[in-house]
Amino acid sequence: MKRIIIPVILSIVLSSTAAYAAAPLDQPGINDETVYQEVVFVTGEPVVVTGSLKVTESARKDYVTSRLTYDLENKEKGMKVKRSITLNTQLDVKEGIKQTVSIITLDRFSETITAADGKYKLEDYILNGSRITHNKPVADFFSGNWQGKKIYSINGDEGRVTIETIGQEIGYSHHWGSVLTRKVDGFIDVKRDRTDADGDEISADWDGEFSYRTSSTVNKYLSYVRNEPSQISFRGSYLLTVEEENLIDYSYDLPEFDDDGYPHRRNRDIDSDSIVLKTVPKYQRLLIPEIKDIGGHWAENDISVLYGLGVFPQTSAYFGPSLPMLRSDFARAIVEATNLLTETAAKTTARNQPAQAEVFQDVSTTHRDYKYIVEVEKRGIITGVGPGQFLPDGKLTRAQAITIIMRALGFDNMAPTPGYSTGFADDSKIPAWAKDSIYAAREIGLVQGDSYGYVHPDEVMTRAEAAAFLYRFIRYLQNDIKKDYRDRILYY
């Protein structure tokens, strides 16, 4: 068995590095909480096998060993799959550029497929691939390419099967969901001799093609649940639902076989099918907002959702929807809306946590939003208004709010070479530092402007407008970006 070195570039935390690196890229498999399924093409017929995938990991600094054991079966087709894989992952963390270079060694790989027409044993396996993940403040974005080759013996010396695959993957992960989509094309070449009734050896060679698209999607969505009793202290509240959907959509061009197992020279089996596995949804009821001044307001729903999520603290019975949004309050809101502090705490132990120090001259360590301001500064989401100045009580403008969101996503580099127009009627009034972000926000549909085509970059955002913008951002993370990474790739 060969030892294969796979260079991979990624920037994900240690706990998820193994998850991405663990499964071989060319296995068309999906799973839910209890079962694993994949499609096997080695016999010339697409066979869906079901069973268990056990993954164990051991980790030390910058090094992870992953062991995967598959036990799969299709009783109707008389097929069993036994597979064992060991992967070693060496991590080279590049803190400055927020990326990690990972070298993956395929240490051990064994596989035996017992089918109705014989036993297929993996004799050789090659996989070369790379992945690059760009770590942005609120999300990780990654893409990769690979090529693989498997060689099986059939019943010892009866023949061999060669399967070559070439594939791509694309995906992202953030607090509001994740998508991993893979596209694979495979080619099968079979050299086999079979003995007929007269004892003569007859060639049973054949070739075929297959392709599949897999997607693994974690969805988080919000819904309002109204209470039926009238004599209750609250009319209803919001419900957060989390579920995972895994899909294989596959097609194939394989030979048809006669009753003796010989391939027809011309007749082909050309078809497609799909498999979907969904996890049991998890539910969480959100806090009930007790705010007196938003009833009937145009942004009541947006404000209520954000209060339920804890984005705005319930320290007062009044929200003040017409008041200006302050920079410190927006810093807190963006951190809470994307769960950044929880993520940071998971990576930081009590031993290596630095002592608090003032990051900005005008924000003391006792400021109510100090930890949030430190977080957005550390991640490059908000850089302040000048040397050592954050201006926490400053009023937030639309240009500032849009720039903050685009920096959080890391999309401010989507803009073309300077000299372009954002397309808004007041393009000339957009500050130079905000133009790239406003252009990108329009490109992804996060900002549309008013009915006259104006974006009003220097206009101060009210608290209601800021709440609506934040909830629009959350909905983008929940739904809009998923369409680009999953639906467009799978269905168009």
Protein backbone atom coordinates (compact mmCIF):
# COMPACT_ATOMS: atom_id res chain seq x y z
CA MET A 1 0.00 0.00 0.00
CA LYS A 2 1.35 3.37 -0.93
CA ARG A 3 1.70 6.27 1.45
CA ILE A 4 0.24 9.39 -0.15
CA ILE A 5 1.10 12.95 0.87
CA ILE A 6 -1.73 15.43 0.32
CA PRO A 7 -0.84 19.14 0.63
CA VAL A 8 -3.81 21.12 1.90
CA ILE A 9 -4.18 24.81 2.70
CA LEU A 10 -6.92 25.70 5.16
CA SER A 11 -7.66 27.98 8.08
CA ILE A 12 -10.04 26.30 10.47
CA VAL A 13 -9.74 25.59 14.16
CA LEU A 14 -8.17 22.33 15.25
CA SER A 15 -11.43 20.66 16.19
CA SER A 16 -12.87 21.09 12.69
CA THR A 17 -9.65 20.50 10.78
CA ALA A 18 -9.90 16.78 11.31
CA ALA A 19 -13.55 16.79 10.32
CA TYR A 20 -12.73 18.34 6.95
CA ALA A 21 -9.66 16.23 6.40
CA ALA A 22 -11.00 12.95 7.73
CA ALA A 23 -13.14 11.52 4.93
CA PRO A 24 -11.42 10.79 1.60
CA LEU A 25 -12.58 13.35 -0.90
CA ASP A 26 -13.74 10.83 -3.50
CA GLN A 27 -16.17 8.87 -1.29
CA PRO A 28 -19.76 9.75 -2.32
CA GLY A 29 -21.10 9.38 1.22
CA ILE A 30 -23.50 11.19 3.54
CA ASN A 31 -24.76 10.59 7.05
CA ASP A 32 -27.18 11.73 9.74
CA GLU A 33 -27.06 11.03 13.49
CA THR A 34 -27.45 7.26 13.14
CA VAL A 35 -26.66 6.03 9.63
CA TYR A 36 -24.11 6.47 6.85
CA GLN A 37 -24.89 5.88 3.15
CA GLU A 38 -22.87 5.95 -0.04
CA VAL A 39 -23.08 4.75 -3.66
CA VAL A 40 -20.72 2.02 -4.92
CA PHE A 41 -20.13 1.71 -8.69
CA VAL A 42 -17.39 -0.95 -8.71
CA THR A 43 -19.61 -3.82 -9.97
CA GLY A 44 -21.05 -1.85 -12.90
CA GLU A 45 -24.31 -1.20 -11.10
CA PRO A 46 -24.91 1.72 -8.72
CA VAL A 47 -25.48 0.13 -5.32
CA VAL A 48 -26.50 2.14 -2.26
CA VAL A 49 -24.90 0.68 0.85
CA THR A 50 -25.93 1.61 4.37
CA GLY A 51 -24.28 1.17 7.73
CA SER A 52 -21.95 2.80 10.20
CA LEU A 53 -19.00 5.15 9.96
CA LYS A 54 -16.95 5.36 13.14
CA VAL A 55 -14.48 8.24 13.45
CA THR A 56 -11.94 8.54 16.26
CA GLU A 57 -9.39 11.31 16.61
CA SER A 58 -6.34 11.93 18.71
CA ALA A 59 -4.68 15.34 18.71
CA ARG A 60 -1.65 17.07 20.05
CA LYS A 61 -0.24 20.45 19.15
CA ASP A 62 -0.49 20.97 15.38
CA TYR A 63 -0.99 17.25 14.72
CA VAL A 64 -4.14 15.15 14.35
CA THR A 65 -4.58 11.44 13.68
CA SER A 66 -7.99 10.37 12.33
CA ARG A 67 -9.17 6.78 12.12
CA LEU A 68 -12.25 5.91 10.08
CA THR A 69 -13.95 2.52 10.07
CA TYR A 70 -16.79 1.73 7.66
CA ASP A 71 -19.16 -1.24 7.94
CA LEU A 72 -21.72 -1.07 5.12
CA GLU A 73 -24.21 -3.41 3.49
CA ASN A 74 -26.97 -3.76 0.93
CA LYS A 75 -28.73 -7.02 1.74
CA GLU A 76 -30.97 -6.95 -1.34
CA LYS A 77 -27.96 -6.72 -3.68
CA GLY A 78 -25.82 -9.05 -1.60
CA MET A 79 -23.06 -6.47 -1.08
CA LYS A 80 -20.88 -5.77 1.96
CA VAL A 81 -18.20 -3.08 2.29
CA LYS A 82 -15.45 -3.19 4.92
CA ARG A 83 -13.11 -0.20 4.90
CA SER A 84 -10.48 1.18 7.30
CA ILE A 85 -8.54 4.44 6.88
CA THR A 86 -5.92 6.21 8.98
CA LEU A 87 -4.96 9.81 8.22
CA ASN A 88 -2.28 11.94 9.84
CA THR A 89 -2.66 15.71 9.59
CA GLN A 90 0.26 18.06 10.25
CA LEU A 91 -0.77 21.70 10.78
CA ASP A 92 1.40 24.72 10.04
CA VAL A 93 -0.49 27.70 11.43
CA LYS A 94 -0.01 31.03 9.65
CA GLU A 95 -1.42 33.48 12.17
CA GLY A 96 -0.52 36.60 10.23
CA ILE A 97 -2.54 35.70 7.14
CA LYS A 98 -5.23 33.71 8.97
CA GLN A 99 -4.49 30.48 7.12
CA THR A 100 -3.12 27.09 8.08
CA VAL A 101 -1.06 24.85 5.84
CA SER A 102 -1.93 21.23 6.53
CA ILE A 103 0.01 18.22 5.24
CA ILE A 104 -2.13 15.07 5.29
CA THR A 105 -0.53 11.64 5.15
CA LEU A 106 -2.70 8.72 4.12
CA ASP A 107 -1.09 6.22 6.48
CA ARG A 108 -3.28 3.16 6.03
CA PHE A 109 -6.14 2.24 3.70
CA SER A 110 -7.78 -1.17 3.39
CA GLU A 111 -11.05 -2.04 1.67
CA THR A 112 -12.87 -5.22 0.70
CA ILE A 113 -16.16 -5.26 -1.19
CA THR A 114 -18.03 -8.56 -1.22
CA ALA A 115 -20.62 -8.61 -4.01
CA ALA A 116 -22.87 -11.21 -5.66
CA ASP A 117 -20.38 -11.62 -8.54
CA GLY A 118 -17.21 -11.84 -6.47
CA LYS A 119 -14.83 -10.22 -4.04
CA TYR A 120 -13.19 -6.86 -4.82
CA LYS A 121 -10.08 -6.08 -2.80
CA LEU A 122 -8.36 -2.71 -2.89
CA GLU A 123 -4.76 -3.23 -3.97
CA ASP A 124 -3.62 0.35 -4.54
CA TYR A 125 -4.92 3.84 -3.88
CA ILE A 126 -3.67 7.29 -4.85
CA LEU A 127 -5.14 10.65 -3.82
CA ASN A 128 -3.66 14.07 -4.50
CA GLY A 129 -5.59 17.16 -3.53
CA SER A 130 -5.47 20.63 -2.08
CA ARG A 131 -7.83 22.87 -0.19
CA ILE A 132 -7.59 26.54 0.62
CA THR A 133 -9.67 28.13 3.35
CA HIS A 134 -9.85 31.86 3.88
CA ASN A 135 -10.65 32.77 7.45
CA LYS A 136 -12.74 35.92 7.69
CA PRO A 137 -14.09 37.53 10.88
CA VAL A 138 -17.52 35.85 10.84
CA ALA A 139 -17.02 32.99 8.38
CA ASP A 140 -14.54 30.54 6.88
CA PHE A 141 -14.64 30.14 3.09
CA PHE A 142 -12.89 27.25 1.37
CA SER A 143 -12.48 25.52 -1.98
CA GLY A 144 -10.46 22.58 -3.19
CA ASN A 145 -9.58 20.23 -6.05
CA TRP A 146 -8.34 16.64 -6.08
CA GLN A 147 -7.70 13.59 -8.24
CA GLY A 148 -7.74 9.97 -7.13
CA LYS A 149 -7.21 6.45 -8.41
CA LYS A 150 -8.25 3.08 -6.97
CA ILE A 151 -7.23 -0.36 -8.23
CA TYR A 152 -9.15 -3.46 -7.09
CA SER A 153 -8.44 -7.12 -7.72
CA ILE A 154 -11.42 -9.35 -8.56
CA ASN A 155 -11.50 -12.77 -6.88
CA GLY A 156 -7.74 -12.68 -6.53
CA ASP A 157 -6.53 -13.07 -10.11
CA GLU A 158 -9.75 -12.99 -12.14
CA GLY A 159 -9.32 -9.36 -13.15
CA ARG A 160 -9.03 -5.81 -11.93
CA VAL A 161 -11.09 -2.63 -11.67
CA THR A 162 -9.54 0.81 -12.04
CA ILE A 163 -11.58 3.79 -10.86
CA GLU A 164 -10.26 7.32 -11.45
CA THR A 165 -11.94 10.38 -10.02
CA ILE A 166 -11.49 14.13 -10.35
CA GLY A 167 -13.37 16.54 -8.18
CA GLN A 168 -13.93 19.97 -6.74
CA GLU A 169 -15.40 21.26 -3.52
CA ILE A 170 -16.63 24.60 -2.25
CA GLY A 171 -18.04 25.66 1.08
CA TYR A 172 -18.30 27.95 4.06
CA SER A 173 -18.97 27.76 7.78
CA HIS A 174 -20.30 30.37 10.21
CA HIS A 175 -22.57 30.67 13.24
CA TRP A 176 -25.78 30.69 11.18
CA GLY A 177 -25.00 27.65 9.06
CA SER A 178 -22.57 25.84 6.82
CA VAL A 179 -22.44 24.30 3.36
CA LEU A 180 -20.01 21.80 1.85
CA THR A 181 -20.70 20.99 -1.81
CA ARG A 182 -18.65 18.52 -3.84
CA LYS A 183 -18.68 17.75 -7.57
CA VAL A 184 -16.99 14.53 -8.73
CA ASP A 185 -16.57 12.84 -12.12
CA GLY A 186 -15.49 9.21 -12.16
CA PHE A 187 -14.26 6.79 -14.82
CA ILE A 188 -14.26 2.99 -14.49
CA ASP A 189 -12.20 0.55 -16.54
CA VAL A 190 -12.65 -3.21 -15.93
CA LYS A 191 -10.42 -5.98 -17.27
CA ARG A 192 -11.95 -9.34 -16.44
CA ASP A 193 -12.09 -12.87 -17.82
CA ARG A 194 -14.96 -15.19 -16.94
CA THR A 195 -15.39 -18.91 -17.57
CA ASP A 196 -18.45 -20.00 -19.57
CA ALA A 197 -20.37 -23.28 -19.33
CA ASP A 198 -17.87 -25.03 -21.62
CA GLY A 199 -14.91 -24.00 -19.47
CA ASP A 200 -13.68 -21.40 -21.94
CA GLU A 201 -12.47 -17.99 -20.74
CA ILE A 202 -14.40 -15.12 -22.28
CA SER A 203 -13.57 -11.46 -21.89
CA ALA A 204 -16.00 -9.53 -19.72
CA ASP A 205 -14.23 -6.17 -20.08
CA TRP A 206 -16.27 -2.99 -19.77
CA ASP A 207 -15.98 0.70 -19.00
CA GLY A 208 -18.29 3.37 -17.62
CA GLU A 209 -18.65 6.82 -16.18
CA PHE A 210 -20.38 8.33 -13.18
CA SER A 211 -20.71 11.71 -11.56
CA TYR A 212 -22.19 12.90 -8.34
CA ARG A 213 -22.85 16.04 -6.38
CA THR A 214 -22.96 15.89 -2.61
CA SER A 215 -23.94 18.63 -0.22
CA SER A 216 -23.94 18.84 3.55
CA THR A 217 -25.91 21.81 4.84
CA VAL A 218 -26.51 23.00 8.39
CA ASN A 219 -29.60 25.21 8.50
CA LYS A 220 -30.68 27.58 11.26
CA TYR A 221 -33.95 29.38 10.84
CA LEU A 222 -36.36 31.40 12.94
CA SER A 223 -40.14 31.20 13.16
CA TYR A 224 -42.76 32.85 15.31
CA VAL A 225 -44.94 30.58 17.46
CA ARG A 226 -48.20 32.15 18.62
CA ASN A 227 -49.76 30.91 21.85
CA GLU A 228 -53.38 29.77 21.57
CA PRO A 229 -54.57 30.63 25.11
CA SER A 230 -55.68 34.24 25.50
CA GLN A 231 -55.05 34.27 29.25
CA ILE A 232 -51.27 34.13 29.11
CA SER A 233 -48.54 36.64 29.88
CA PHE A 234 -47.17 36.66 26.32
CA ARG A 235 -48.81 36.24 22.91
CA GLY A 236 -45.97 34.21 21.46
CA SER A 237 -42.23 33.98 20.95
CA TYR A 238 -39.63 33.07 18.38
CA LEU A 239 -38.32 29.54 17.84
CA LEU A 240 -34.83 28.77 16.58
CA THR A 241 -34.62 25.50 14.63
CA VAL A 242 -31.36 23.78 13.70
CA GLU A 243 -31.18 20.84 11.30
CA GLU A 244 -28.72 19.28 8.88
CA GLU A 245 -29.51 18.10 5.37
CA ASN A 246 -27.20 15.80 3.41
CA LEU A 247 -27.71 15.02 -0.26
CA ILE A 248 -26.19 12.83 -2.97
CA ASP A 249 -27.36 13.53 -6.50
CA TYR A 250 -25.70 11.02 -8.84
CA SER A 251 -25.82 10.00 -12.51
CA TYR A 252 -24.11 7.20 -14.45
CA ASP A 253 -23.42 5.69 -17.85
CA LEU A 254 -22.72 1.98 -17.33
CA PRO A 255 -23.14 -1.18 -19.45
CA GLU A 256 -26.13 -3.45 -19.25
CA PHE A 257 -25.30 -7.05 -18.32
CA ASP A 258 -26.89 -10.30 -19.47
CA ASP A 259 -28.02 -13.07 -17.13
CA ASP A 260 -24.53 -14.58 -17.11
CA GLY A 261 -22.88 -11.33 -16.09
CA TYR A 262 -21.43 -10.36 -19.48
CA PRO A 263 -21.71 -6.75 -20.61
CA HIS A 264 -23.71 -5.93 -23.73
CA ARG A 265 -21.62 -4.37 -26.47
CA ARG A 266 -24.07 -1.58 -27.22
CA ASN A 267 -26.83 -1.43 -24.61
CA ARG A 268 -26.10 1.05 -21.81
CA ASP A 269 -27.70 1.78 -18.46
CA ILE A 270 -27.92 5.57 -18.32
CA ASP A 271 -29.84 7.07 -15.43
CA SER A 272 -29.69 9.26 -12.31
CA ASP A 273 -30.99 9.21 -8.76
CA SER A 274 -30.56 10.92 -5.40
CA ILE A 275 -30.44 10.23 -1.67
CA VAL A 276 -31.36 12.66 1.10
CA LEU A 277 -30.69 12.28 4.82
CA LYS A 278 -31.89 14.83 7.38
CA THR A 279 -31.14 15.05 11.05
CA VAL A 280 -33.89 15.40 13.65
CA PRO A 281 -34.41 19.16 14.19
CA LYS A 282 -33.24 20.78 17.41
CA TYR A 283 -35.38 23.53 18.89
CA GLN A 284 -34.64 26.51 21.12
CA ARG A 285 -37.22 29.03 22.27
CA LEU A 286 -35.90 32.59 22.33
CA LEU A 287 -36.31 35.16 25.07
CA ILE A 288 -39.52 37.16 25.13
CA PRO A 289 -38.84 40.85 24.38
CA GLU A 290 -40.59 43.14 26.88
CA ILE A 291 -40.25 46.44 25.06
CA LYS A 292 -42.94 49.13 25.27
CA ASP A 293 -42.13 51.46 22.39
CA ILE A 294 -42.01 49.16 19.33
CA GLY A 295 -45.63 48.01 19.07
CA GLY A 296 -46.89 48.75 15.54
CA HIS A 297 -43.49 50.09 14.46
CA TRP A 298 -42.37 49.11 10.93
CA ALA A 299 -39.29 47.41 12.43
CA GLU A 300 -41.13 45.68 15.31
CA ASN A 301 -40.45 42.18 13.98
CA ASP A 302 -36.75 42.82 13.34
CA ILE A 303 -36.22 44.40 16.75
CA SER A 304 -38.14 41.60 18.51
CA VAL A 305 -36.06 38.88 16.85
CA LEU A 306 -32.80 40.57 17.82
CA TYR A 307 -33.95 40.97 21.41
CA GLY A 308 -34.92 37.31 21.49
CA LEU A 309 -31.45 36.35 20.25
CA GLY A 310 -29.78 38.53 22.87
CA VAL A 311 -28.28 40.86 20.26
CA PHE A 312 -29.73 43.81 22.19
CA PRO A 313 -29.60 43.56 26.01
CA GLN A 314 -32.90 43.83 27.89
CA THR A 315 -31.68 46.48 30.32
CA SER A 316 -34.57 48.87 29.66
CA ALA A 317 -38.26 48.68 28.82
CA TYR A 318 -37.64 51.09 25.94
CA PHE A 319 -35.70 50.57 22.73
CA GLY A 320 -35.79 54.08 21.30
CA PRO A 321 -36.29 53.15 17.64
CA SER A 322 -35.95 56.75 16.42
CA LEU A 323 -32.77 57.46 18.37
CA PRO A 324 -29.41 57.27 16.58
CA MET A 325 -27.48 53.98 16.76
CA LEU A 326 -24.21 54.44 18.64
CA ARG A 327 -20.96 52.91 17.42
CA SER A 328 -20.39 50.96 20.64
CA ASP A 329 -23.92 49.55 20.58
CA PHE A 330 -23.46 48.40 16.98
CA ALA A 331 -20.12 46.78 17.87
CA ARG A 332 -21.88 44.78 20.57
CA ALA A 333 -24.74 43.87 18.23
CA ILE A 334 -22.52 42.54 15.43
CA VAL A 335 -20.56 40.38 17.91
CA GLU A 336 -23.71 38.96 19.53
CA ALA A 337 -25.46 38.40 16.18
CA THR A 338 -22.57 36.24 14.93
CA ASN A 339 -21.58 34.61 18.26
CA LEU A 340 -17.97 35.80 18.00
CA LEU A 341 -17.25 35.93 21.72
CA THR A 342 -18.30 32.31 22.23
CA GLU A 343 -16.00 31.26 19.39
CA THR A 344 -13.09 33.19 20.88
CA ALA A 345 -13.69 31.72 24.34
CA ALA A 346 -13.59 28.21 22.86
CA LYS A 347 -10.09 28.88 21.51
CA THR A 348 -8.72 30.65 24.59
CA THR A 349 -7.84 28.97 27.88
CA ALA A 350 -7.53 30.69 31.24
CA ARG A 351 -3.75 30.24 31.11
CA ASN A 352 -3.13 31.99 27.82
CA GLN A 353 -5.79 34.70 28.17
CA PRO A 354 -4.01 38.07 28.22
CA ALA A 355 -4.68 40.67 30.86
CA GLN A 356 -7.11 43.38 29.84
CA ALA A 357 -5.60 46.55 28.45
CA GLU A 358 -7.06 49.61 26.80
CA VAL A 359 -7.12 49.21 23.03
CA PHE A 360 -8.53 52.69 22.40
CA GLN A 361 -7.76 55.79 24.44
CA ASP A 362 -11.43 56.73 24.62
CA VAL A 363 -12.69 53.27 25.71
CA SER A 364 -11.77 52.26 29.26
CA THR A 365 -11.70 48.64 30.40
CA THR A 366 -14.79 49.41 32.51
CA HIS A 367 -16.88 50.51 29.53
CA ARG A 368 -20.10 48.48 29.24
CA ASP A 369 -19.19 47.37 25.70
CA TYR A 370 -15.44 47.07 26.19
CA LYS A 371 -15.14 43.34 25.40
CA TYR A 372 -17.20 43.76 22.24
CA ILE A 373 -15.14 46.71 21.04
CA VAL A 374 -11.94 44.72 21.67
CA GLU A 375 -13.37 41.81 19.69
CA VAL A 376 -14.31 43.82 16.59
CA GLU A 377 -10.96 45.63 16.65
CA LYS A 378 -9.02 42.37 16.98
CA ARG A 379 -10.86 40.87 14.03
CA GLY A 380 -10.48 43.98 11.87
CA ILE A 381 -14.22 44.62 11.67
CA ILE A 382 -14.06 48.13 13.14
CA THR A 383 -10.75 49.96 13.14
CA GLY A 384 -11.73 53.21 14.86
CA VAL A 385 -11.92 56.78 13.58
CA GLY A 386 -8.32 57.82 14.13
CA PRO A 387 -5.15 56.95 16.08
CA GLY A 388 -6.28 55.42 19.39
CA GLN A 389 -9.85 56.65 18.94
CA PHE A 390 -12.99 54.49 18.69
CA LEU A 391 -15.60 57.18 19.40
CA PRO A 392 -17.94 54.78 21.26
CA ASP A 393 -20.73 57.34 21.67
CA GLY A 394 -20.44 58.52 18.07
CA LYS A 395 -23.49 58.20 15.83
CA LEU A 396 -23.30 55.38 13.28
CA THR A 397 -23.66 56.36 9.62
CA ARG A 398 -24.98 54.13 6.85
CA ALA A 399 -21.54 54.05 5.22
CA GLN A 400 -19.99 52.90 8.50
CA ALA A 401 -22.62 50.22 9.08
CA ILE A 402 -22.26 48.80 5.56
CA THR A 403 -18.46 48.82 5.80
CA ILE A 404 -18.58 46.99 9.14
CA ILE A 405 -20.80 44.23 7.74
CA MET A 406 -18.69 43.80 4.59
CA ARG A 407 -15.47 43.65 6.61
CA ALA A 408 -17.06 41.03 8.84
CA LEU A 409 -17.85 38.92 5.78
CA GLY A 410 -14.52 39.70 4.12
CA PHE A 411 -16.27 40.77 0.91
CA ASP A 412 -14.87 44.30 0.70
CA ASN A 413 -12.25 42.99 -1.77
CA MET A 414 -14.98 42.10 -4.30
CA ALA A 415 -14.87 45.60 -5.79
CA PRO A 416 -13.11 46.14 -9.15
CA THR A 417 -10.16 48.39 -9.87
CA PRO A 418 -10.70 51.99 -8.61
CA GLY A 419 -12.52 54.22 -11.04
CA TYR A 420 -15.72 52.17 -10.99
CA SER A 421 -19.20 53.35 -9.99
CA THR A 422 -21.28 51.67 -7.31
CA GLY A 423 -24.41 52.32 -9.38
CA PHE A 424 -26.09 54.45 -6.74
CA ALA A 425 -27.37 57.91 -7.70
CA ASP A 426 -25.24 59.53 -4.98
CA ASP A 427 -22.08 57.57 -5.85
CA SER A 428 -19.99 60.75 -5.78
CA LYS A 429 -20.89 61.32 -2.11
CA ILE A 430 -19.71 57.91 -0.93
CA PRO A 431 -16.48 58.24 1.14
CA ALA A 432 -13.47 56.60 -0.51
CA TRP A 433 -12.96 54.26 2.48
CA ALA A 434 -16.53 52.94 2.15
CA LYS A 435 -16.87 52.65 -1.62
CA ASP A 436 -15.56 49.06 -1.97
CA SER A 437 -17.86 47.84 0.79
CA ILE A 438 -20.93 49.58 -0.58
CA TYR A 439 -20.21 48.19 -4.05
CA ALA A 440 -19.91 44.65 -2.61
CA ALA A 441 -23.05 45.05 -0.47
CA ARG A 442 -25.04 45.94 -3.56
CA GLU A 443 -23.55 43.02 -5.53
CA ILE A 444 -24.73 40.46 -2.97
CA GLY A 445 -28.12 42.13 -2.50
CA LEU A 446 -27.57 43.29 1.06
CA VAL A 447 -28.07 46.98 0.16
CA GLN A 448 -30.44 48.22 -2.52
CA GLY A 449 -30.84 51.94 -1.91
CA ASP A 450 -34.09 53.89 -1.74
CA SER A 451 -36.77 54.16 -4.44
CA TYR A 452 -34.74 56.89 -6.18
CA GLY A 453 -31.50 54.90 -6.20
CA TYR A 454 -29.78 56.78 -3.35
CA VAL A 455 -27.80 54.99 -0.64
CA HIS A 456 -27.36 58.09 1.62
CA PRO A 457 -23.89 57.12 2.93
CA ASP A 458 -23.51 59.97 5.43
CA GLU A 459 -26.99 59.68 6.90
CA VAL A 460 -27.08 58.63 10.56
CA MET A 461 -28.79 55.28 11.13
CA THR A 462 -31.59 55.15 13.66
CA ARG A 463 -31.70 52.22 16.05
CA ALA A 464 -34.67 50.81 14.13
CA GLU A 465 -32.81 51.06 10.80
CA ALA A 466 -29.73 49.44 12.32
CA ALA A 467 -31.86 46.60 13.71
CA ALA A 468 -33.45 46.03 10.30
CA PHE A 469 -30.02 46.03 8.66
CA LEU A 470 -28.63 43.53 11.19
CA TYR A 471 -31.58 41.20 10.76
CA ARG A 472 -31.18 41.47 6.98
CA PHE A 473 -27.54 40.44 7.50
CA ILE A 474 -28.62 37.41 9.57
CA ARG A 475 -31.10 36.36 6.88
CA TYR A 476 -28.33 36.65 4.30
CA LEU A 477 -26.18 34.28 6.38
CA GLN A 478 -29.14 31.93 6.84
CA ASN A 479 -30.47 31.79 3.29
CA ASP A 480 -29.01 33.94 0.53
CA ILE A 481 -25.41 32.74 0.62
CA LYS A 482 -26.60 29.11 0.70
CA LYS A 483 -28.24 29.54 -2.71
CA ASP A 484 -24.89 30.46 -4.24
CA TYR A 485 -22.91 27.63 -2.62
CA ARG A 486 -25.46 24.83 -2.87
CA ASP A 487 -28.53 25.46 -5.03
CA ARG A 488 -26.74 27.07 -7.97
CA ILE A 489 -24.10 24.30 -8.06
CA LEU A 490 -26.53 21.40 -7.63
CA TYR A 491 -29.48 22.52 -9.70
CA TYR A 492 -28.22 24.86 -12.43
